[in-house]
Each structure stands twice: as C-alpha cells, then as structure tokens.
Amino acid sequence: MRQRMRWWKVLGLAGLAGVAATGVVIARAERRRRAYTPEEIRQRLLERHAQSGDAAKPADPA
C-alpha cells in the first residue's frame, strides 16, 4: 500500500513540474511578443501580406 502512495506522489510532482514548465514557456513567448513596437508589428504584417500576395497570384501563361 505504501508503494502505491509513493507512485501517486511522484506522478503528482511530475505533473506539477510540467505545469510550471509550461507556464514558463508561455511567459517567455508572451514577453517576446510584447517586446515589439506597434511600428515593427505593422511593418512585419505588411511584409507578410506582400509575400502572400506574390504567392497567391498565378503565373503568367504568356
């Protein structure tokens, strides 16, 4: 019976560590995302839009 309790404790601690690690990853990504200025975001969006516009146009059949 004691062995079974130990496994539940280990499993619970592993789950807790996983939740904490996930929170750290999310916080880092959020910090990185918020580091951009509005002008930088606008410029990146315009670049991506221009690239997608070029890819969406069919080739000239001439």
C-alpha atoms as a PDB file:
ATOM      1  CA  MET A   1       0.000   0.000   0.000  1.00  0.00           C
ATOM      2  CA  ARG A   2       2.862   2.402   0.761  1.00  0.00           C
ATOM      3  CA  GLN A   3       4.418   1.740  -2.634  1.00  0.00           C
ATOM      4  CA  ARG A   4       1.187   2.746  -4.367  1.00  0.00           C
ATOM      5  CA  MET A   5       1.067   6.020  -2.414  1.00  0.00           C
ATOM      6  CA  ARG A   6       4.647   6.795  -3.409  1.00  0.00           C
ATOM      7  CA  TRP A   7       3.832   6.440  -7.107  1.00  0.00           C
ATOM      8  CA  TRP A   8       0.911   8.839  -6.784  1.00  0.00           C
ATOM      9  CA  LYS A   9       3.172  11.369  -5.101  1.00  0.00           C
ATOM     10  CA  VAL A  10       5.807  11.037  -7.832  1.00  0.00           C
ATOM     11  CA  LEU A  11       3.151  11.320 -10.520  1.00  0.00           C
ATOM     12  CA  GLY A  12       1.682  14.405  -8.834  1.00  0.00           C
ATOM     13  CA  LEU A  13       5.082  16.077  -8.535  1.00  0.00           C
ATOM     14  CA  ALA A  14       5.837  15.319 -12.191  1.00  0.00           C
ATOM     15  CA  GLY A  15       2.514  16.867 -13.204  1.00  0.00           C
ATOM     16  CA  LEU A  16       3.211  19.932 -11.105  1.00  0.00           C
ATOM     17  CA  ALA A  17       6.651  20.302 -12.693  1.00  0.00           C
ATOM     18  CA  GLY A  18       5.065  20.015 -16.137  1.00  0.00           C
ATOM     19  CA  VAL A  19       2.526  22.728 -15.385  1.00  0.00           C
ATOM     20  CA  ALA A  20       5.262  25.020 -14.060  1.00  0.00           C
ATOM     21  CA  ALA A  21       7.450  24.424 -17.125  1.00  0.00           C
ATOM     22  CA  THR A  22       4.521  25.156 -19.442  1.00  0.00           C
ATOM     23  CA  GLY A  23       3.862  28.415 -17.605  1.00  0.00           C
ATOM     24  CA  VAL A  24       7.489  29.456 -18.033  1.00  0.00           C
ATOM     25  CA  VAL A  25       7.378  28.760 -21.777  1.00  0.00           C
ATOM     26  CA  ILE A  26       4.150  30.730 -22.178  1.00  0.00           C
ATOM     27  CA  ALA A  27       5.501  33.665 -20.157  1.00  0.00           C
ATOM     28  CA  ARG A  28       8.669  33.815 -22.273  1.00  0.00           C
ATOM     29  CA  ALA A  29       6.687  33.745 -25.508  1.00  0.00           C
ATOM     30  CA  GLU A  30       4.379  36.486 -24.249  1.00  0.00           C
ATOM     31  CA  ARG A  31       7.322  38.640 -23.197  1.00  0.00           C
ATOM     32  CA  ARG A  32       8.948  38.179 -26.603  1.00  0.00           C
ATOM     33  CA  ARG A  33       5.672  39.047 -28.360  1.00  0.00           C
ATOM     34  CA  ARG A  34       5.134  42.217 -26.341  1.00  0.00           C
ATOM     35  CA  ALA A  35       8.690  43.425 -26.984  1.00  0.00           C
ATOM     36  CA  TYR A  36       7.731  44.617 -30.494  1.00  0.00           C
ATOM     37  CA  THR A  37       6.672  48.208 -31.025  1.00  0.00           C
ATOM     38  CA  PRO A  38       3.459  48.841 -32.950  1.00  0.00           C
ATOM     39  CA  GLU A  39       5.507  50.119 -35.906  1.00  0.00           C
ATOM     40  CA  GLU A  40       7.553  46.898 -36.003  1.00  0.00           C
ATOM     41  CA  ILE A  41       4.399  44.797 -35.932  1.00  0.00           C
ATOM     42  CA  ARG A  42       2.834  46.869 -38.712  1.00  0.00           C
ATOM     43  CA  GLN A  43       5.976  46.538 -40.855  1.00  0.00           C
ATOM     44  CA  ARG A  44       6.137  42.760 -40.356  1.00  0.00           C
ATOM     45  CA  LEU A  45       2.459  42.386 -41.238  1.00  0.00           C
ATOM     46  CA  LEU A  46       2.913  44.450 -44.394  1.00  0.00           C
ATOM     47  CA  GLU A  47       5.884  42.282 -45.412  1.00  0.00           C
ATOM     48  CA  ARG A  48       3.943  39.082 -44.807  1.00  0.00           C
ATOM     49  CA  HIS A  49       0.966  40.419 -46.748  1.00  0.00           C
ATOM     50  CA  ALA A  50       3.194  41.322 -49.686  1.00  0.00           C
ATOM     51  CA  GLN A  51       4.747  37.844 -49.657  1.00  0.00           C
ATOM     52  CA  SER A  52       1.377  36.122 -49.545  1.00  0.00           C
ATOM     53  CA  GLY A  53       0.086  38.355 -52.336  1.00  0.00           C
ATOM     54  CA  ASP A  54       3.000  37.312 -54.566  1.00  0.00           C
ATOM     55  CA  ALA A  55       2.428  33.632 -53.831  1.00  0.00           C
ATOM     56  CA  ALA A  56      -1.316  33.845 -54.452  1.00  0.00           C
ATOM     57  CA  LYS A  57      -1.015  35.286 -57.966  1.00  0.00           C
ATOM     58  CA  PRO A  58      -0.976  32.646 -60.735  1.00  0.00           C
ATOM     59  CA  ALA A  59       1.944  32.536 -63.134  1.00  0.00           C
ATOM     60  CA  ASP A  60       1.637  34.441 -66.426  1.00  0.00           C
ATOM     61  CA  PRO A  61       0.586  31.946 -69.161  1.00  0.00           C
ATOM     62  CA  ALA A  62       2.398  34.019 -71.845  1.00  0.00           C
END
